[in-house]
PDB file of N, CA and C in Angstrom:
ATOM      1  N   UNK A   1      98.734 127.661 129.043  1.00  0.00           N
ATOM      2  CA  UNK A   1      99.970 127.380 128.354  1.00  0.00           C
ATOM      3  C   UNK A   1      99.673 127.199 126.861  1.00  0.00           C
ATOM      4  N   UNK A   2     100.382 127.898 126.046  1.00  0.00           N
ATOM      5  CA  UNK A   2     100.200 127.809 124.601  1.00  0.00           C
ATOM      6  C   UNK A   2     100.950 126.583 124.069  1.00  0.00           C
ATOM      7  N   UNK A   3     100.300 125.860 123.195  1.00  0.00           N
ATOM      8  CA  UNK A   3     100.913 124.679 122.597  1.00  0.00           C
ATOM      9  C   UNK A   3     101.366 125.055 121.192  1.00  0.00           C
ATOM     10  N   UNK A   4     102.661 124.896 120.940  1.00  0.00           N
ATOM     11  CA  UNK A   4     103.124 125.192 119.591  1.00  0.00           C
ATOM     12  C   UNK A   4     103.029 123.939 118.717  1.00  0.00           C
ATOM     13  N   UNK A   5     103.296 124.091 117.431  1.00  0.00           N
ATOM     14  CA  UNK A   5     103.106 123.003 116.470  1.00  0.00           C
ATOM     15  C   UNK A   5     103.969 121.784 116.786  1.00  0.00           C
ATOM     16  N   UNK A   6     105.205 122.028 117.207  1.00  0.00           N
ATOM     17  CA  UNK A   6     106.112 120.911 117.453  1.00  0.00           C
ATOM     18  C   UNK A   6     105.674 120.094 118.674  1.00  0.00           C
ATOM     19  N   UNK A   7     105.238 120.753 119.723  1.00  0.00           N
ATOM     20  CA  UNK A   7     104.771 120.038 120.910  1.00  0.00           C
ATOM     21  C   UNK A   7     103.527 119.222 120.581  1.00  0.00           C
ATOM     22  N   UNK A   8     102.627 119.771 119.804  1.00  0.00           N
ATOM     23  CA  UNK A   8     101.424 119.040 119.400  1.00  0.00           C
ATOM     24  C   UNK A   8     101.787 117.826 118.550  1.00  0.00           C
ATOM     25  N   UNK A   9     102.759 117.972 117.661  1.00  0.00           N
ATOM     26  CA  UNK A   9     103.196 116.861 116.822  1.00  0.00           C
ATOM     27  C   UNK A   9     103.819 115.757 117.666  1.00  0.00           C
ATOM     28  N   UNK A  10     104.646 116.126 118.625  1.00  0.00           N
ATOM     29  CA  UNK A  10     105.282 115.136 119.493  1.00  0.00           C
ATOM     30  C   UNK A  10     104.235 114.415 120.336  1.00  0.00           C
ATOM     31  N   UNK A  11     103.213 115.117 120.768  1.00  0.00           N
ATOM     32  CA  UNK A  11     102.127 114.493 121.534  1.00  0.00           C
ATOM     33  C   UNK A  11     101.407 113.449 120.679  1.00  0.00           C
ATOM     34  N   UNK A  12     101.117 113.787 119.424  1.00  0.00           N
ATOM     35  CA  UNK A  12     100.481 112.826 118.521  1.00  0.00           C
ATOM     36  C   UNK A  12     101.385 111.621 118.283  1.00  0.00           C
ATOM     37  N   UNK A  13     102.681 111.864 118.148  1.00  0.00           N
ATOM     38  CA  UNK A  13     103.630 110.782 117.905  1.00  0.00           C
ATOM     39  C   UNK A  13     103.682 109.830 119.094  1.00  0.00           C
ATOM     40  N   UNK A  14     103.643 110.367 120.309  1.00  0.00           N
ATOM     41  CA  UNK A  14     103.688 109.523 121.507  1.00  0.00           C
ATOM     42  C   UNK A  14     102.502 108.574 121.578  1.00  0.00           C
ATOM     43  N   UNK A  15     101.324 109.074 121.213  1.00  0.00           N
ATOM     44  CA  UNK A  15     100.128 108.228 121.232  1.00  0.00           C
ATOM     45  C   UNK A  15     100.284 107.058 120.262  1.00  0.00           C
ATOM     46  N   UNK A  16     100.745 107.364 119.061  1.00  0.00           N
ATOM     47  CA  UNK A  16     100.919 106.334 118.039  1.00  0.00           C
ATOM     48  C   UNK A  16     101.946 105.305 118.486  1.00  0.00           C
ATOM     49  N   UNK A  17     103.057 105.760 119.019  1.00  0.00           N
ATOM     50  CA  UNK A  17     104.125 104.850 119.423  1.00  0.00           C
ATOM     51  C   UNK A  17     103.705 103.964 120.577  1.00  0.00           C
ATOM     52  N   UNK A  18     102.862 104.473 121.453  1.00  0.00           N
ATOM     53  CA  UNK A  18     102.364 103.653 122.566  1.00  0.00           C
ATOM     54  C   UNK A  18     101.524 102.500 122.035  1.00  0.00           C
ATOM     55  N   UNK A  19     100.701 102.760 121.045  1.00  0.00           N
ATOM     56  CA  UNK A  19      99.868 101.702 120.464  1.00  0.00           C
ATOM     57  C   UNK A  19     100.716 100.698 119.684  1.00  0.00           C
ATOM     58  N   UNK A  20     101.737 101.187 118.980  1.00  0.00           N
ATOM     59  CA  UNK A  20     102.621 100.288 118.235  1.00  0.00           C
ATOM     60  C   UNK A  20     103.403  99.403 119.194  1.00  0.00           C
ATOM     61  N   UNK A  21     103.812  99.949 120.332  1.00  0.00           N
ATOM     62  CA  UNK A  21     104.563  99.185 121.324  1.00  0.00           C
ATOM     63  C   UNK A  21     103.744  98.006 121.842  1.00  0.00           C
ATOM     64  N   UNK A  22     102.428  98.203 121.995  1.00  0.00           N
ATOM     65  CA  UNK A  22     101.537  97.134 122.441  1.00  0.00           C
ATOM     66  C   UNK A  22     101.485  96.007 121.403  1.00  0.00           C
ATOM     67  N   UNK A  23     101.519  96.378 120.113  1.00  0.00           N
ATOM     68  CA  UNK A  23     101.487  95.381 119.046  1.00  0.00           C
ATOM     69  C   UNK A  23     102.733  94.500 119.045  1.00  0.00           C
ATOM     70  N   UNK A  24     103.877  95.065 119.406  1.00  0.00           N
ATOM     71  CA  UNK A  24     105.117  94.307 119.454  1.00  0.00           C
ATOM     72  C   UNK A  24     105.691  93.949 118.093  1.00  0.00           C
ATOM     73  N   UNK A  25     105.479  94.800 117.105  1.00  0.00           N
ATOM     74  CA  UNK A  25     106.030  94.572 115.768  1.00  0.00           C
ATOM     75  C   UNK A  25     107.043  95.678 115.459  1.00  0.00           C
ATOM     76  N   UNK A  26     107.952  95.442 114.509  1.00  0.00           N
ATOM     77  CA  UNK A  26     108.869  96.515 114.109  1.00  0.00           C
ATOM     78  C   UNK A  26     108.079  97.690 113.542  1.00  0.00           C
ATOM     79  N   UNK A  27     108.621  98.891 113.683  1.00  0.00           N
ATOM     80  CA  UNK A  27     107.924 100.066 113.166  1.00  0.00           C
ATOM     81  C   UNK A  27     108.792 100.789 112.151  1.00  0.00           C
ATOM     82  N   UNK A  28     108.128 101.333 111.145  1.00  0.00           N
ATOM     83  CA  UNK A  28     108.786 102.173 110.143  1.00  0.00           C
ATOM     84  C   UNK A  28     108.560 103.608 110.575  1.00  0.00           C
ATOM     85  N   UNK A  29     109.591 104.207 111.146  1.00  0.00           N
ATOM     86  CA  UNK A  29     109.498 105.564 111.657  1.00  0.00           C
ATOM     87  C   UNK A  29     110.005 106.545 110.613  1.00  0.00           C
ATOM     88  N   UNK A  30     109.226 107.592 110.365  1.00  0.00           N
ATOM     89  CA  UNK A  30     109.555 108.588 109.347  1.00  0.00           C
ATOM     90  C   UNK A  30     109.683 109.945 110.007  1.00  0.00           C
ATOM     91  N   UNK A  31     110.690 110.698 109.610  1.00  0.00           N
ATOM     92  CA  UNK A  31     110.853 112.069 110.090  1.00  0.00           C
ATOM     93  C   UNK A  31     111.177 112.947 108.890  1.00  0.00           C
ATOM     94  N   UNK A  32     110.579 114.126 108.843  1.00  0.00           N
ATOM     95  CA  UNK A  32     110.889 115.044 107.753  1.00  0.00           C
ATOM     96  C   UNK A  32     111.277 116.399 108.334  1.00  0.00           C
ATOM     97  N   UNK A  33     112.189 117.028 107.648  1.00  0.00           N
ATOM     98  CA  UNK A  33     112.568 118.387 107.996  1.00  0.00           C
ATOM     99  C   UNK A  33     112.374 119.230 106.745  1.00  0.00           C
ATOM    100  N   UNK A  34     112.713 120.478 106.836  1.00  0.00           N
ATOM    101  CA  UNK A  34     112.587 121.336 105.675  1.00  0.00           C
ATOM    102  C   UNK A  34     113.542 120.968 104.558  1.00  0.00           C
ATOM    103  N   UNK A  35     114.638 120.262 104.909  1.00  0.00           N
ATOM    104  CA  UNK A  35     115.666 119.936 103.927  1.00  0.00           C
ATOM    105  C   UNK A  35     115.742 118.462 103.547  1.00  0.00           C
ATOM    106  N   UNK A  36     115.473 117.573 104.503  1.00  0.00           N
ATOM    107  CA  UNK A  36     115.697 116.145 104.289  1.00  0.00           C
ATOM    108  C   UNK A  36     114.501 115.325 104.755  1.00  0.00           C
ATOM    109  N   UNK A  37     114.530 114.033 104.404  1.00  0.00           N
ATOM    110  CA  UNK A  37     113.539 113.081 104.910  1.00  0.00           C
ATOM    111  C   UNK A  37     114.292 111.827 105.340  1.00  0.00           C
ATOM    112  N   UNK A  38     113.899 111.283 106.482  1.00  0.00           N
ATOM    113  CA  UNK A  38     114.577 110.150 107.090  1.00  0.00           C
ATOM    114  C   UNK A  38     113.574 109.027 107.343  1.00  0.00           C
ATOM    115  N   UNK A  39     114.030 107.781 107.259  1.00  0.00           N
ATOM    116  CA  UNK A  39     113.186 106.634 107.586  1.00  0.00           C
ATOM    117  C   UNK A  39     114.049 105.588 108.291  1.00  0.00           C
ATOM    118  N   UNK A  40     113.468 104.954 109.323  1.00  0.00           N
ATOM    119  CA  UNK A  40     114.158 103.902 110.058  1.00  0.00           C
ATOM    120  C   UNK A  40     113.184 102.781 110.349  1.00  0.00           C
ATOM    121  N   UNK A  41     113.661 101.547 110.288  1.00  0.00           N
ATOM    122  CA  UNK A  41     112.891 100.408 110.776  1.00  0.00           C
ATOM    123  C   UNK A  41     113.477 100.086 112.142  1.00  0.00           C
ATOM    124  N   UNK A  42     112.622 100.167 113.168  1.00  0.00           N
ATOM    125  CA  UNK A  42     113.054 100.003 114.546  1.00  0.00           C
ATOM    126  C   UNK A  42     112.364  98.777 115.129  1.00  0.00           C
ATOM    127  N   UNK A  43     113.154  97.910 115.784  1.00  0.00           N
ATOM    128  CA  UNK A  43     112.608  96.686 116.360  1.00  0.00           C
ATOM    129  C   UNK A  43     111.824  97.008 117.632  1.00  0.00           C
ATOM    130  N   UNK A  44     111.008  96.069 118.122  1.00  0.00           N
ATOM    131  CA  UNK A  44     110.284  96.308 119.382  1.00  0.00           C
ATOM    132  C   UNK A  44     111.225  96.538 120.571  1.00  0.00           C
ATOM    133  N   UNK A  45     112.466  96.078 120.465  1.00  0.00           N
ATOM    134  CA  UNK A  45     113.456  96.297 121.529  1.00  0.00           C
ATOM    135  C   UNK A  45     114.177  97.638 121.381  1.00  0.00           C
ATOM    136  N   UNK A  46     113.698  98.492 120.482  1.00  0.00           N
ATOM    137  CA  UNK A  46     114.217  99.843 120.262  1.00  0.00           C
ATOM    138  C   UNK A  46     115.615  99.870 119.648  1.00  0.00           C
ATOM    139  N   UNK A  47     115.936  98.906 118.781  1.00  0.00           N
ATOM    140  CA  UNK A  47     117.194  98.948 118.045  1.00  0.00           C
ATOM    141  C   UNK A  47     116.889  99.183 116.570  1.00  0.00           C
ATOM    142  N   UNK A  48     117.743  99.941 115.913  1.00  0.00           N
ATOM    143  CA  UNK A  48     117.545 100.263 114.499  1.00  0.00           C
ATOM    144  C   UNK A  48     117.992  99.080 113.643  1.00  0.00           C
ATOM    145  N   UNK A  49     117.086  98.599 112.813  1.00  0.00           N
ATOM    146  CA  UNK A  49     117.365  97.463 111.936  1.00  0.00           C
ATOM    147  C   UNK A  49     117.847  97.952 110.571  1.00  0.00           C
ATOM    148  N   UNK A  50     117.188  98.993 110.044  1.00  0.00           N
ATOM    149  CA  UNK A  50     117.547  99.539 108.733  1.00  0.00           C
ATOM    150  C   UNK A  50     117.235 101.030 108.739  1.00  0.00           C
ATOM    151  N   UNK A  51     117.996 101.780 107.962  1.00  0.00           N
ATOM    152  CA  UNK A  51     117.736 103.216 107.866  1.00  0.00           C
ATOM    153  C   UNK A  51     118.069 103.713 106.467  1.00  0.00           C
ATOM    154  N   UNK A  52     117.389 104.793 106.088  1.00  0.00           N
ATOM    155  CA  UNK A  52     117.644 105.437 104.795  1.00  0.00           C
ATOM    156  C   UNK A  52     117.262 106.903 104.932  1.00  0.00           C
ATOM    157  N   UNK A  53     117.987 107.764 104.255  1.00  0.00           N
ATOM    158  CA  UNK A  53     117.655 109.190 104.278  1.00  0.00           C
ATOM    159  C   UNK A  53     118.236 109.863 103.051  1.00  0.00           C
ATOM    160  N   UNK A  54     117.785 111.076 102.824  1.00  0.00           N
ATOM    161  CA  UNK A  54     118.297 111.831 101.681  1.00  0.00           C
ATOM    162  C   UNK A  54     119.668 112.421 101.976  1.00  0.00           C
ATOM    163  N   UNK A  55     120.210 112.186 103.154  1.00  0.00           N
ATOM    164  CA  UNK A  55     121.581 112.586 103.457  1.00  0.00           C
ATOM    165  C   UNK A  55     122.593 111.638 102.821  1.00  0.00           C
ATOM    166  N   UNK A  56     122.165 110.414 102.522  1.00  0.00           N
ATOM    167  CA  UNK A  56     123.069 109.417 101.958  1.00  0.00           C
ATOM    168  C   UNK A  56     123.411 109.771 100.514  1.00  0.00           C
ATOM    169  N   UNK A  57     124.696 109.741 100.223  1.00  0.00           N
ATOM    170  CA  UNK A  57     125.160 110.171  98.914  1.00  0.00           C
ATOM    171  C   UNK A  57     124.601 109.314  97.782  1.00  0.00           C
ATOM    172  N   UNK A  58     124.507 107.999  97.976  1.00  0.00           N
ATOM    173  CA  UNK A  58     124.001 107.129  96.917  1.00  0.00           C
ATOM    174  C   UNK A  58     122.518 107.386  96.626  1.00  0.00           C
ATOM    175  N   UNK A  59     121.762 107.838  97.607  1.00  0.00           N
ATOM    176  CA  UNK A  59     120.349 108.180  97.384  1.00  0.00           C
ATOM    177  C   UNK A  59     120.197 109.541  96.708  1.00  0.00           C
ATOM    178  N   UNK A  60     121.066 110.473  97.077  1.00  0.00           N
ATOM    179  CA  UNK A  60     120.987 111.839  96.523  1.00  0.00           C
ATOM    180  C   UNK A  60     121.333 111.892  95.044  1.00  0.00           C
ATOM    181  N   UNK A  61     122.200 110.991  94.605  1.00  0.00           N
ATOM    182  CA  UNK A  61     122.619 111.002  93.197  1.00  0.00           C
ATOM    183  C   UNK A  61     121.424 110.742  92.292  1.00  0.00           C
ATOM    184  N   UNK A  62     121.223 111.589  91.326  1.00  0.00           N
ATOM    185  CA  UNK A  62     120.133 111.440  90.369  1.00  0.00           C
ATOM    186  C   UNK A  62     118.843 112.121  90.783  1.00  0.00           C
ATOM    187  N   UNK A  63     118.817 112.743  91.945  1.00  0.00           N
ATOM    188  CA  UNK A  63     117.622 113.461  92.401  1.00  0.00           C
ATOM    189  C   UNK A  63     117.787 114.950  92.161  1.00  0.00           C
ATOM    190  N   UNK A  64     116.685 115.619  91.883  1.00  0.00           N
ATOM    191  CA  UNK A  64     116.724 117.078  91.714  1.00  0.00           C
ATOM    192  C   UNK A  64     116.996 117.771  93.035  1.00  0.00           C
ATOM    193  N   UNK A  65     116.368 117.276  94.090  1.00  0.00           N
ATOM    194  CA  UNK A  65     116.535 117.876  95.402  1.00  0.00           C
ATOM    195  C   UNK A  65     116.333 116.836  96.480  1.00  0.00           C
ATOM    196  N   UNK A  66     116.514 117.236  97.741  1.00  0.00           N
ATOM    197  CA  UNK A  66     116.389 116.298  98.851  1.00  0.00           C
ATOM    198  C   UNK A  66     115.105 116.509  99.648  1.00  0.00           C
ATOM    199  N   UNK A  67     114.286 117.461  99.242  1.00  0.00           N
ATOM    200  CA  UNK A  67     113.105 117.780 100.048  1.00  0.00           C
ATOM    201  C   UNK A  67     111.802 117.718  99.264  1.00  0.00           C
ATOM    202  N   UNK A  68     111.782 116.922  98.180  1.00  0.00           N
ATOM    203  CA  UNK A  68     110.575 116.840  97.380  1.00  0.00           C
ATOM    204  C   UNK A  68     110.000 115.423  97.406  1.00  0.00           C
ATOM    205  N   UNK A  69     108.879 115.226  96.733  1.00  0.00           N
ATOM    206  CA  UNK A  69     108.203 113.932  96.724  1.00  0.00           C
ATOM    207  C   UNK A  69     109.062 112.873  96.031  1.00  0.00           C
ATOM    208  N   UNK A  70     109.778 113.269  95.002  1.00  0.00           N
ATOM    209  CA  UNK A  70     110.670 112.340  94.302  1.00  0.00           C
ATOM    210  C   UNK A  70     111.716 111.764  95.259  1.00  0.00           C
ATOM    211  N   UNK A  71     112.260 112.594  96.128  1.00  0.00           N
ATOM    212  CA  UNK A  71     113.236 112.140  97.115  1.00  0.00           C
ATOM    213  C   UNK A  71     112.584 111.211  98.136  1.00  0.00           C
ATOM    214  N   UNK A  72     111.356 111.510  98.534  1.00  0.00           N
ATOM    215  CA  UNK A  72     110.644 110.663  99.491  1.00  0.00           C
ATOM    216  C   UNK A  72     110.391 109.277  98.900  1.00  0.00           C
ATOM    217  N   UNK A  73     110.073 109.218  97.611  1.00  0.00           N
ATOM    218  CA  UNK A  73     109.863 107.931  96.943  1.00  0.00           C
ATOM    219  C   UNK A  73     111.158 107.127  96.936  1.00  0.00           C
ATOM    220  N   UNK A  74     112.290 107.787  96.674  1.00  0.00           N
ATOM    221  CA  UNK A  74     113.584 107.106  96.671  1.00  0.00           C
ATOM    222  C   UNK A  74     113.909 106.544  98.052  1.00  0.00           C
ATOM    223  N   UNK A  75     113.609 107.301  99.105  1.00  0.00           N
ATOM    224  CA  UNK A  75     113.854 106.831 100.473  1.00  0.00           C
ATOM    225  C   UNK A  75     112.934 105.652 100.788  1.00  0.00           C
ATOM    226  N   UNK A  76     111.684 105.710 100.354  1.00  0.00           N
ATOM    227  CA  UNK A  76     110.749 104.611 100.568  1.00  0.00           C
ATOM    228  C   UNK A  76     111.216 103.319  99.922  1.00  0.00           C
ATOM    229  N   UNK A  77     111.722 103.415  98.692  1.00  0.00           N
ATOM    230  CA  UNK A  77     112.243 102.237  98.002  1.00  0.00           C
ATOM    231  C   UNK A  77     113.458 101.679  98.733  1.00  0.00           C
ATOM    232  N   UNK A  78     114.351 102.561  99.140  1.00  0.00           N
ATOM    233  CA  UNK A  78     115.585 102.127  99.806  1.00  0.00           C
ATOM    234  C   UNK A  78     115.297 101.462 101.147  1.00  0.00           C
ATOM    235  N   UNK A  79     114.396 102.027 101.927  1.00  0.00           N
ATOM    236  CA  UNK A  79     114.113 101.454 103.248  1.00  0.00           C
ATOM    237  C   UNK A  79     113.422 100.112 103.095  1.00  0.00           C
ATOM    238  N   UNK A  80     112.568  99.961 102.083  1.00  0.00           N
ATOM    239  CA  UNK A  80     111.903  98.677 101.857  1.00  0.00           C
ATOM    240  C   UNK A  80     112.917  97.598 101.483  1.00  0.00           C
ATOM    241  N   UNK A  81     113.852  97.929 100.613  1.00  0.00           N
ATOM    242  CA  UNK A  81     114.865  96.955 100.201  1.00  0.00           C
ATOM    243  C   UNK A  81     115.743  96.549 101.380  1.00  0.00           C
ATOM    244  N   UNK A  82     116.149  97.519 102.197  1.00  0.00           N
ATOM    245  CA  UNK A  82     116.997  97.214 103.353  1.00  0.00           C
ATOM    246  C   UNK A  82     116.244  96.394 104.397  1.00  0.00           C
ATOM    247  N   UNK A  83     114.973  96.690 104.613  1.00  0.00           N
ATOM    248  CA  UNK A  83     114.187  95.939 105.585  1.00  0.00           C
ATOM    249  C   UNK A  83     113.974  94.501 105.116  1.00  0.00           C
ATOM    250  N   UNK A  84     113.665  94.330 103.844  1.00  0.00           N
ATOM    251  CA  UNK A  84     113.477  92.985 103.308  1.00  0.00           C
ATOM    252  C   UNK A  84     114.774  92.183 103.369  1.00  0.00           C
ATOM    253  N   UNK A  85     115.903  92.845 103.135  1.00  0.00           N
ATOM    254  CA  UNK A  85     117.202  92.183 103.231  1.00  0.00           C
ATOM    255  C   UNK A  85     117.487  91.746 104.668  1.00  0.00           C
ATOM    256  N   UNK A  86     116.965  92.482 105.639  1.00  0.00           N
ATOM    257  CA  UNK A  86     117.146  92.145 107.055  1.00  0.00           C
ATOM    258  C   UNK A  86     116.107  91.136 107.537  1.00  0.00           C
ATOM    259  N   UNK A  87     115.180  90.738 106.652  1.00  0.00           N
ATOM    260  CA  UNK A  87     114.187  89.739 107.016  1.00  0.00           C
ATOM    261  C   UNK A  87     112.899  90.299 107.598  1.00  0.00           C
ATOM    262  N   UNK A  88     112.682  91.592 107.474  1.00  0.00           N
ATOM    263  CA  UNK A  88     111.465  92.233 107.980  1.00  0.00           C
ATOM    264  C   UNK A  88     110.504  92.424 106.815  1.00  0.00           C
ATOM    265  N   UNK A  89     109.311  91.849 106.923  1.00  0.00           N
ATOM    266  CA  UNK A  89     108.308  91.998 105.872  1.00  0.00           C
ATOM    267  C   UNK A  89     107.130  92.841 106.336  1.00  0.00           C
ATOM    268  N   UNK A  90     106.789  92.742 107.631  1.00  0.00           N
ATOM    269  CA  UNK A  90     105.647  93.477 108.177  1.00  0.00           C
ATOM    270  C   UNK A  90     106.122  94.500 109.186  1.00  0.00           C
ATOM    271  N   UNK A  91     105.628  95.712 109.048  1.00  0.00           N
ATOM    272  CA  UNK A  91     105.958  96.787 109.983  1.00  0.00           C
ATOM    273  C   UNK A  91     104.692  97.565 110.313  1.00  0.00           C
ATOM    274  N   UNK A  92     104.767  98.348 111.370  1.00  0.00           N
ATOM    275  CA  UNK A  92     103.719  99.313 111.690  1.00  0.00           C
ATOM    276  C   UNK A  92     104.242 100.679 111.257  1.00  0.00           C
ATOM    277  N   UNK A  93     103.418 101.482 110.622  1.00  0.00           N
ATOM    278  CA  UNK A  93     103.866 102.780 110.108  1.00  0.00           C
ATOM    279  C   UNK A  93     103.754 103.841 111.191  1.00  0.00           C
ATOM    280  N   UNK A  94     104.886 104.437 111.533  1.00  0.00           N
ATOM    281  CA  UNK A  94     104.957 105.503 112.537  1.00  0.00           C
ATOM    282  C   UNK A  94     105.285 106.792 111.792  1.00  0.00           C
ATOM    283  N   UNK A  95     104.279 107.634 111.617  1.00  0.00           N
ATOM    284  CA  UNK A  95     104.477 108.865 110.848  1.00  0.00           C
ATOM    285  C   UNK A  95     104.977 110.007 111.716  1.00  0.00           C
ATOM    286  N   UNK A  96     105.308 109.734 112.963  1.00  0.00           N
ATOM    287  CA  UNK A  96     105.897 110.702 113.902  1.00  0.00           C
ATOM    288  C   UNK A  96     105.031 111.935 114.104  1.00  0.00           C
ATOM    289  N   UNK A  97     103.741 111.784 114.034  1.00  0.00           N
ATOM    290  CA  UNK A  97     102.829 112.896 114.266  1.00  0.00           C
ATOM    291  C   UNK A  97     102.596 113.786 113.058  1.00  0.00           C
ATOM    292  N   UNK A  98     103.276 113.505 111.949  1.00  0.00           N
ATOM    293  CA  UNK A  98     103.077 114.302 110.736  1.00  0.00           C
ATOM    294  C   UNK A  98     101.798 113.857 110.042  1.00  0.00           C
ATOM    295  N   UNK A  99     101.145 114.764 109.322  1.00  0.00           N
ATOM    296  CA  UNK A  99      99.942 114.420 108.567  1.00  0.00           C
ATOM    297  C   UNK A  99     100.300 113.456 107.444  1.00  0.00           C
ATOM    298  N   UNK A 100      99.390 112.540 107.160  1.00  0.00           N
ATOM    299  CA  UNK A 100      99.616 111.528 106.126  1.00  0.00           C
ATOM    300  C   UNK A 100      99.244 112.111 104.766  1.00  0.00           C
ATOM    301  N   UNK A 101     100.137 112.910 104.213  1.00  0.00           N
ATOM    302  CA  UNK A 101      99.964 113.464 102.878  1.00  0.00           C
ATOM    303  C   UNK A 101     101.327 113.919 102.380  1.00  0.00           C
ATOM    304  N   UNK A 102     101.422 114.238 101.122  1.00  0.00           N
ATOM    305  CA  UNK A 102     102.666 114.762 100.561  1.00  0.00           C
ATOM    306  C   UNK A 102     103.814 113.782 100.640  1.00  0.00           C
ATOM    307  N   UNK A 103     104.923 114.234 101.221  1.00  0.00           N
ATOM    308  CA  UNK A 103     106.135 113.419 101.275  1.00  0.00           C
ATOM    309  C   UNK A 103     105.967 112.170 102.129  1.00  0.00           C
ATOM    310  N   UNK A 104     105.222 112.276 103.222  1.00  0.00           N
ATOM    311  CA  UNK A 104     105.008 111.128 104.102  1.00  0.00           C
ATOM    312  C   UNK A 104     104.223 110.044 103.352  1.00  0.00           C
ATOM    313  N   UNK A 105     103.183 110.445 102.664  1.00  0.00           N
ATOM    314  CA  UNK A 105     102.352 109.502 101.903  1.00  0.00           C
ATOM    315  C   UNK A 105     103.152 108.885 100.756  1.00  0.00           C
ATOM    316  N   UNK A 106     103.954 109.678 100.081  1.00  0.00           N
ATOM    317  CA  UNK A 106     104.770 109.182  98.969  1.00  0.00           C
ATOM    318  C   UNK A 106     105.768 108.134  99.450  1.00  0.00           C
ATOM    319  N   UNK A 107     106.396 108.374 100.595  1.00  0.00           N
ATOM    320  CA  UNK A 107     107.345 107.422 101.162  1.00  0.00           C
ATOM    321  C   UNK A 107     106.633 106.118 101.522  1.00  0.00           C
ATOM    322  N   UNK A 108     105.464 106.221 102.163  1.00  0.00           N
ATOM    323  CA  UNK A 108     104.710 105.033 102.563  1.00  0.00           C
ATOM    324  C   UNK A 108     104.276 104.222 101.344  1.00  0.00           C
ATOM    325  N   UNK A 109     103.774 104.883 100.320  1.00  0.00           N
ATOM    326  CA  UNK A 109     103.331 104.192  99.116  1.00  0.00           C
ATOM    327  C   UNK A 109     104.503 103.490  98.417  1.00  0.00           C
ATOM    328  N   UNK A 110     105.660 104.144  98.367  1.00  0.00           N
ATOM    329  CA  UNK A 110     106.837 103.543  97.730  1.00  0.00           C
ATOM    330  C   UNK A 110     107.307 102.325  98.520  1.00  0.00           C
ATOM    331  N   UNK A 111     107.261 102.385  99.839  1.00  0.00           N
ATOM    332  CA  UNK A 111     107.672 101.242 100.660  1.00  0.00           C
ATOM    333  C   UNK A 111     106.718 100.066 100.457  1.00  0.00           C
ATOM    334  N   UNK A 112     105.421 100.364 100.356  1.00  0.00           N
ATOM    335  CA  UNK A 112     104.428  99.304 100.117  1.00  0.00           C
ATOM    336  C   UNK A 112     104.640  98.658  98.748  1.00  0.00           C
ATOM    337  N   UNK A 113     104.888  99.473  97.730  1.00  0.00           N
ATOM    338  CA  UNK A 113     105.083  98.952  96.380  1.00  0.00           C
ATOM    339  C   UNK A 113     106.316  98.083  96.267  1.00  0.00           C
ATOM    340  N   UNK A 114     107.287  98.311  97.156  1.00  0.00           N
ATOM    341  CA  UNK A 114     108.536  97.546  97.104  1.00  0.00           C
ATOM    342  C   UNK A 114     108.577  96.400  98.108  1.00  0.00           C
ATOM    343  N   UNK A 115     107.425  96.011  98.655  1.00  0.00           N
ATOM    344  CA  UNK A 115     107.364  94.774  99.425  1.00  0.00           C
ATOM    345  C   UNK A 115     107.061  94.857 100.903  1.00  0.00           C
ATOM    346  N   UNK A 116     107.119  96.026 101.511  1.00  0.00           N
ATOM    347  CA  UNK A 116     106.790  96.119 102.940  1.00  0.00           C
ATOM    348  C   UNK A 116     105.288  96.081 103.127  1.00  0.00           C
ATOM    349  N   UNK A 117     104.827  95.422 104.162  1.00  0.00           N
ATOM    350  CA  UNK A 117     103.399  95.345 104.449  1.00  0.00           C
ATOM    351  C   UNK A 117     103.112  96.090 105.744  1.00  0.00           C
ATOM    352  N   UNK A 118     102.169  97.037 105.669  1.00  0.00           N
ATOM    353  CA  UNK A 118     101.670  97.733 106.860  1.00  0.00           C
ATOM    354  C   UNK A 118     100.336  98.317 106.602  1.00  0.00           C
TER     355      UNK A 118
END
């Protein structure tokens, strides 16, 4: 059976999420597509505490595009502010099987700079 890129990514994501579930801490889940980038803080009970994405009009304003590193930094700042407002300071980073570089790394660094610890 041939494994395509998406199945391999989902397999990597499952491994990470299983380990995060054992920790019992909220997780910062990131998803990227060719057009947008999304971030959610999810509680150990699987409920969404805070979310931010480049689909939101207030985030898109002032950005050149929705699929670049600049947009990922804006999402990272927004998710950190929303999580801190909800009382979440520590999270586990769930990169959803994506490689830790480019937009994913930019989002993580921006969230760390704005107060989230992981």
